[in-house]
Amino acid sequence: MDAEFRRQARRHQAIVIDCSQISTLNSTGTGRLVSWLREAAIHNVHVGMTNVTPTLRAMFDLTSLSAVLPATVAAPQATQNRAA
């Protein structure tokens, strides 16, 4: 998965992660997400989330990831934040 994320980060200006199948995020998942955010920053790629559940949003708030990771309900809104 990390190799695929790196390939996509090199090819696109924005990546939107669909969270519709994610109900919770443990420390390993959080670490992986932080790793992806670092990789995206190297390539100047915006990362956003879509279909974020209230539980997952609360986890992002608790870990302060919500400050650096747009969590939206629609993919177009996540990519629009790049221009802001």
Foldseek 3Di string as FASTA:
>chain_A
DVVVLLVVLQVDQEEEAECQVPDDADPVRVVVVVVSVVSNVVSNHQYEYAPQDPRNVVVCVVVVVVVRYHYYHDPVVSVVVSVD
